[in-house]
Amino acid sequence: MLPAAAELGVAVLINMPFGEGSLFRAVRGKALPVWASDFAAASWGQFFLKYLLANPTVTTVIPGTVNPEHMNDNLAAGRGPLPDTAMRKRMVQLMQSF
């Protein structure tokens, strides 16, 4: 869907960036890759959010939560470098390997 939005110049709002928890379930028990520190991701939540924030097609990401600890973790995704195109491809490959 993102390529179509980019082609049409449509704004993209990501309302449920963690897929109702499905991303966290996919990585349960798995260590965050060491190379995630290259773009300052210190948690899986930051890993996922930074992937979206770095995508030039994505306009806004809304990671809703009622947990203050999760909110602070989500906010940290907005700090530091974002993954470049090559790193985002590596991120996708990692997720597809699970």
Protein backbone atom coordinates (compact mmCIF):
# COMPACT_ATOMS: atom_id res chain seq x y z
CA MET A 1 0.00 0.00 0.00
CA LEU A 2 2.86 2.40 0.77
CA PRO A 3 4.22 2.38 -2.80
CA ALA A 4 0.76 3.26 -4.13
CA ALA A 5 0.41 6.11 -1.63
CA ALA A 6 3.83 7.44 -2.60
CA GLU A 7 2.96 7.29 -6.29
CA LEU A 8 -0.29 9.17 -5.72
CA GLY A 9 1.18 11.64 -3.22
CA VAL A 10 -1.31 10.57 -0.55
CA ALA A 11 -0.58 11.22 3.11
CA VAL A 12 -0.21 8.06 5.18
CA LEU A 13 -1.23 7.85 8.83
CA ILE A 14 -0.20 4.68 10.63
CA ASN A 15 -2.69 4.23 13.45
CA MET A 16 -1.73 0.78 14.73
CA PRO A 17 2.00 0.50 14.04
CA PHE A 18 2.43 -2.69 16.06
CA GLY A 19 -0.35 -4.58 14.28
CA GLU A 20 -2.39 -5.01 17.47
CA GLY A 21 0.64 -6.67 19.05
CA SER A 22 1.36 -9.11 16.22
CA LEU A 23 4.86 -7.65 15.71
CA PHE A 24 5.70 -8.14 19.37
CA ARG A 25 4.38 -11.70 19.25
CA ALA A 26 6.63 -12.39 16.24
CA VAL A 27 9.75 -11.32 18.16
CA ARG A 28 8.83 -12.73 21.59
CA GLY A 29 11.90 -14.36 23.08
CA LYS A 30 14.18 -13.01 20.36
CA ALA A 31 17.01 -10.60 21.11
CA LEU A 32 17.09 -7.24 19.41
CA PRO A 33 19.85 -7.41 16.79
CA VAL A 34 23.10 -5.72 17.76
CA TRP A 35 22.98 -3.64 14.59
CA ALA A 36 19.78 -1.93 15.79
CA SER A 37 22.11 0.32 17.80
CA ASP A 38 23.30 1.78 14.45
CA PHE A 39 20.04 3.74 14.40
CA ALA A 40 19.65 4.03 18.18
CA ALA A 41 16.88 1.45 18.62
CA ALA A 42 17.05 0.11 22.16
CA SER A 43 13.85 -1.97 22.08
CA TRP A 44 11.67 -3.83 19.62
CA GLY A 45 9.07 -1.05 19.88
CA GLN A 46 11.67 1.53 18.83
CA PHE A 47 12.87 -0.81 16.07
CA PHE A 48 9.35 -0.98 14.60
CA LEU A 49 8.59 2.72 15.02
CA LYS A 50 11.91 3.86 13.55
CA TYR A 51 11.24 1.69 10.51
CA LEU A 52 7.98 3.55 9.91
CA LEU A 53 9.29 7.00 10.84
CA ALA A 54 12.15 6.61 8.35
CA ASN A 55 9.82 5.74 5.47
CA PRO A 56 9.43 8.86 3.33
CA THR A 57 5.88 7.87 2.43
CA VAL A 58 4.68 7.77 6.04
CA THR A 59 3.31 11.10 7.24
CA THR A 60 2.33 10.27 10.82
CA VAL A 61 2.65 7.35 13.22
CA ILE A 62 0.30 7.03 16.20
CA PRO A 63 1.49 4.35 18.64
CA GLY A 64 -1.35 4.45 21.15
CA THR A 65 -0.79 3.06 24.63
CA VAL A 66 -2.12 3.45 28.15
CA ASN A 67 1.15 2.32 29.71
CA PRO A 68 3.49 5.21 30.66
CA GLU A 69 6.58 3.02 30.27
CA HIS A 70 5.54 2.09 26.75
CA MET A 71 4.86 5.77 26.01
CA ASN A 72 8.40 6.70 27.06
CA ASP A 73 9.82 3.88 24.96
CA ASN A 74 7.75 5.00 21.96
CA LEU A 75 8.91 8.59 22.36
CA ALA A 76 12.54 7.47 22.35
CA ALA A 77 12.03 6.19 18.79
CA GLY A 78 11.89 9.83 17.69
CA ARG A 79 15.39 10.48 18.99
CA GLY A 80 18.65 9.73 17.25
CA PRO A 81 19.24 8.59 13.69
CA LEU A 82 16.68 6.76 11.60
CA PRO A 83 17.48 3.75 9.44
CA ASP A 84 18.32 4.48 5.81
CA THR A 85 16.84 2.58 2.87
CA ALA A 86 19.43 -0.20 3.00
CA MET A 87 18.92 -0.65 6.74
CA ARG A 88 15.13 -0.76 6.32
CA LYS A 89 15.59 -3.59 3.81
CA ARG A 90 17.75 -5.41 6.36
CA MET A 91 15.01 -4.89 8.96
CA VAL A 92 12.43 -6.43 6.63
CA GLN A 93 14.69 -9.40 5.91
CA LEU A 94 15.11 -10.00 9.63
CA MET A 95 11.37 -9.90 10.27
CA GLN A 96 10.72 -12.25 7.34
CA SER A 97 13.17 -14.74 8.84
CA PHE A 98 11.02 -15.24 11.95
